[in-house]
Amino acid sequence: MRHPERDHLRAFLDSRGIGALIHYPVPVHLQPAYRDRLPAPGGLARTEEAAATVLSLPMYPQLDPESARVVAAAVASWADARRR
């Protein structure tokens, strides 16, 4: 999922024992090996925005329905609290 307050959501989930990961926090075009070959920072704005906002929630074939509900409820709880 994506959210501009991704790190806050991740901390919230972590405090509830729900692991969420940030995959590819640095876009490929900003990796040291590609810095001279691909656009500079700002050159791929949507890619950079995605890298700053994407959060991987638990999702895999063995995840049972109740665990999926727990994750969804935690995200909804966090979102509701942010709206207040």
C-alpha atoms as a PDB file:
ATOM      1  CA  MET A   1       0.000   0.000   0.000  1.00  0.00           C
ATOM      2  CA  ARG A   2       1.006   3.635  -0.269  1.00  0.00           C
ATOM      3  CA  HIS A   3       0.655   6.455   2.226  1.00  0.00           C
ATOM      4  CA  PRO A   4       2.601   9.695   2.724  1.00  0.00           C
ATOM      5  CA  GLU A   5       2.904   8.840   6.442  1.00  0.00           C
ATOM      6  CA  ARG A   6       4.200   5.348   5.729  1.00  0.00           C
ATOM      7  CA  ASP A   7       6.825   5.357   8.481  1.00  0.00           C
ATOM      8  CA  HIS A   8       4.271   6.325  11.118  1.00  0.00           C
ATOM      9  CA  LEU A   9       1.937   3.557   9.955  1.00  0.00           C
ATOM     10  CA  ARG A  10       4.781   1.054   9.989  1.00  0.00           C
ATOM     11  CA  ALA A  11       5.649   1.992  13.584  1.00  0.00           C
ATOM     12  CA  PHE A  12       1.981   1.669  14.565  1.00  0.00           C
ATOM     13  CA  LEU A  13       1.743  -1.787  13.016  1.00  0.00           C
ATOM     14  CA  ASP A  14       5.029  -2.834  14.584  1.00  0.00           C
ATOM     15  CA  SER A  15       3.746  -1.805  18.024  1.00  0.00           C
ATOM     16  CA  ARG A  16       0.910  -4.280  17.475  1.00  0.00           C
ATOM     17  CA  GLY A  17       3.203  -7.101  16.409  1.00  0.00           C
ATOM     18  CA  ILE A  18       2.385  -6.758  12.717  1.00  0.00           C
ATOM     19  CA  GLY A  19       5.437  -6.811  10.508  1.00  0.00           C
ATOM     20  CA  ALA A  20       5.383  -4.505   7.521  1.00  0.00           C
ATOM     21  CA  LEU A  21       8.402  -3.966   5.285  1.00  0.00           C
ATOM     22  CA  ILE A  22       9.790  -1.283   3.050  1.00  0.00           C
ATOM     23  CA  HIS A  23      11.116  -2.868  -0.113  1.00  0.00           C
ATOM     24  CA  TYR A  24      13.381  -0.826  -2.355  1.00  0.00           C
ATOM     25  CA  PRO A  25      13.554   2.324  -0.198  1.00  0.00           C
ATOM     26  CA  VAL A  26      16.040   3.822  -2.659  1.00  0.00           C
ATOM     27  CA  PRO A  27      14.940   3.839  -6.312  1.00  0.00           C
ATOM     28  CA  VAL A  28      17.223   2.025  -8.740  1.00  0.00           C
ATOM     29  CA  HIS A  29      18.165   5.233 -10.548  1.00  0.00           C
ATOM     30  CA  LEU A  30      19.533   6.621  -7.261  1.00  0.00           C
ATOM     31  CA  GLN A  31      21.595   3.540  -6.389  1.00  0.00           C
ATOM     32  CA  PRO A  32      25.359   4.142  -6.530  1.00  0.00           C
ATOM     33  CA  ALA A  33      25.852   1.738  -9.445  1.00  0.00           C
ATOM     34  CA  TYR A  34      23.398   3.667 -11.633  1.00  0.00           C
ATOM     35  CA  ARG A  35      23.950   7.273 -10.612  1.00  0.00           C
ATOM     36  CA  ASP A  36      25.887   8.165 -13.757  1.00  0.00           C
ATOM     37  CA  ARG A  37      23.623   6.210 -16.114  1.00  0.00           C
ATOM     38  CA  LEU A  38      20.096   7.206 -15.160  1.00  0.00           C
ATOM     39  CA  PRO A  39      18.286  10.454 -14.335  1.00  0.00           C
ATOM     40  CA  ALA A  40      19.413  12.471 -11.322  1.00  0.00           C
ATOM     41  CA  PRO A  41      17.175  12.968  -8.260  1.00  0.00           C
ATOM     42  CA  GLY A  42      13.875  14.466  -9.356  1.00  0.00           C
ATOM     43  CA  GLY A  43      14.202  12.976 -12.824  1.00  0.00           C
ATOM     44  CA  LEU A  44      11.828  10.115 -12.038  1.00  0.00           C
ATOM     45  CA  ALA A  45       9.502  11.898  -9.616  1.00  0.00           C
ATOM     46  CA  ARG A  46       6.809   9.200  -9.494  1.00  0.00           C
ATOM     47  CA  THR A  47       9.377   6.502  -8.832  1.00  0.00           C
ATOM     48  CA  GLU A  48      10.871   8.560  -6.027  1.00  0.00           C
ATOM     49  CA  GLU A  49       7.415   9.221  -4.566  1.00  0.00           C
ATOM     50  CA  ALA A  50       6.624   5.510  -4.635  1.00  0.00           C
ATOM     51  CA  ALA A  51       9.906   4.675  -2.905  1.00  0.00           C
ATOM     52  CA  ALA A  52       9.017   7.129  -0.138  1.00  0.00           C
ATOM     53  CA  THR A  53       5.434   5.948   0.374  1.00  0.00           C
ATOM     54  CA  VAL A  54       5.162   2.203  -0.376  1.00  0.00           C
ATOM     55  CA  LEU A  55       4.675  -0.177   2.541  1.00  0.00           C
ATOM     56  CA  SER A  56       4.452  -3.940   2.107  1.00  0.00           C
ATOM     57  CA  LEU A  57       1.812  -5.430   4.375  1.00  0.00           C
ATOM     58  CA  PRO A  58       1.816  -9.107   5.316  1.00  0.00           C
ATOM     59  CA  MET A  59       0.450 -10.934   2.292  1.00  0.00           C
ATOM     60  CA  TYR A  60       1.313 -14.468   1.326  1.00  0.00           C
ATOM     61  CA  PRO A  61      -0.560 -17.672   0.433  1.00  0.00           C
ATOM     62  CA  GLN A  62      -0.387 -19.136   3.942  1.00  0.00           C
ATOM     63  CA  LEU A  63      -1.815 -16.030   5.642  1.00  0.00           C
ATOM     64  CA  ASP A  64      -5.034 -17.194   7.219  1.00  0.00           C
ATOM     65  CA  PRO A  65      -8.208 -15.106   6.907  1.00  0.00           C
ATOM     66  CA  GLU A  66      -8.225 -14.109  10.580  1.00  0.00           C
ATOM     67  CA  SER A  67      -4.672 -12.771  10.375  1.00  0.00           C
ATOM     68  CA  ALA A  68      -5.601 -10.831   7.243  1.00  0.00           C
ATOM     69  CA  ARG A  69      -8.542  -9.323   9.160  1.00  0.00           C
ATOM     70  CA  VAL A  70      -6.226  -8.346  12.022  1.00  0.00           C
ATOM     71  CA  VAL A  71      -3.899  -6.539   9.609  1.00  0.00           C
ATOM     72  CA  ALA A  72      -6.795  -4.802   7.840  1.00  0.00           C
ATOM     73  CA  ALA A  73      -8.368  -3.774  11.148  1.00  0.00           C
ATOM     74  CA  ALA A  74      -5.062  -2.341  12.392  1.00  0.00           C
ATOM     75  CA  VAL A  75      -4.612  -0.273   9.220  1.00  0.00           C
ATOM     76  CA  ALA A  76      -8.232   0.929   9.461  1.00  0.00           C
ATOM     77  CA  SER A  77      -7.747   1.809  13.137  1.00  0.00           C
ATOM     78  CA  TRP A  78      -4.649   3.833  12.337  1.00  0.00           C
ATOM     79  CA  ALA A  79      -6.418   5.613   9.470  1.00  0.00           C
ATOM     80  CA  ASP A  80      -9.437   6.421  11.646  1.00  0.00           C
ATOM     81  CA  ALA A  81      -7.195   7.875  14.350  1.00  0.00           C
ATOM     82  CA  ARG A  82      -5.390  10.039  11.766  1.00  0.00           C
ATOM     83  CA  ARG A  83      -8.699  11.498  10.558  1.00  0.00           C
ATOM     84  CA  ARG A  84      -9.603  12.775  14.031  1.00  0.00           C
END
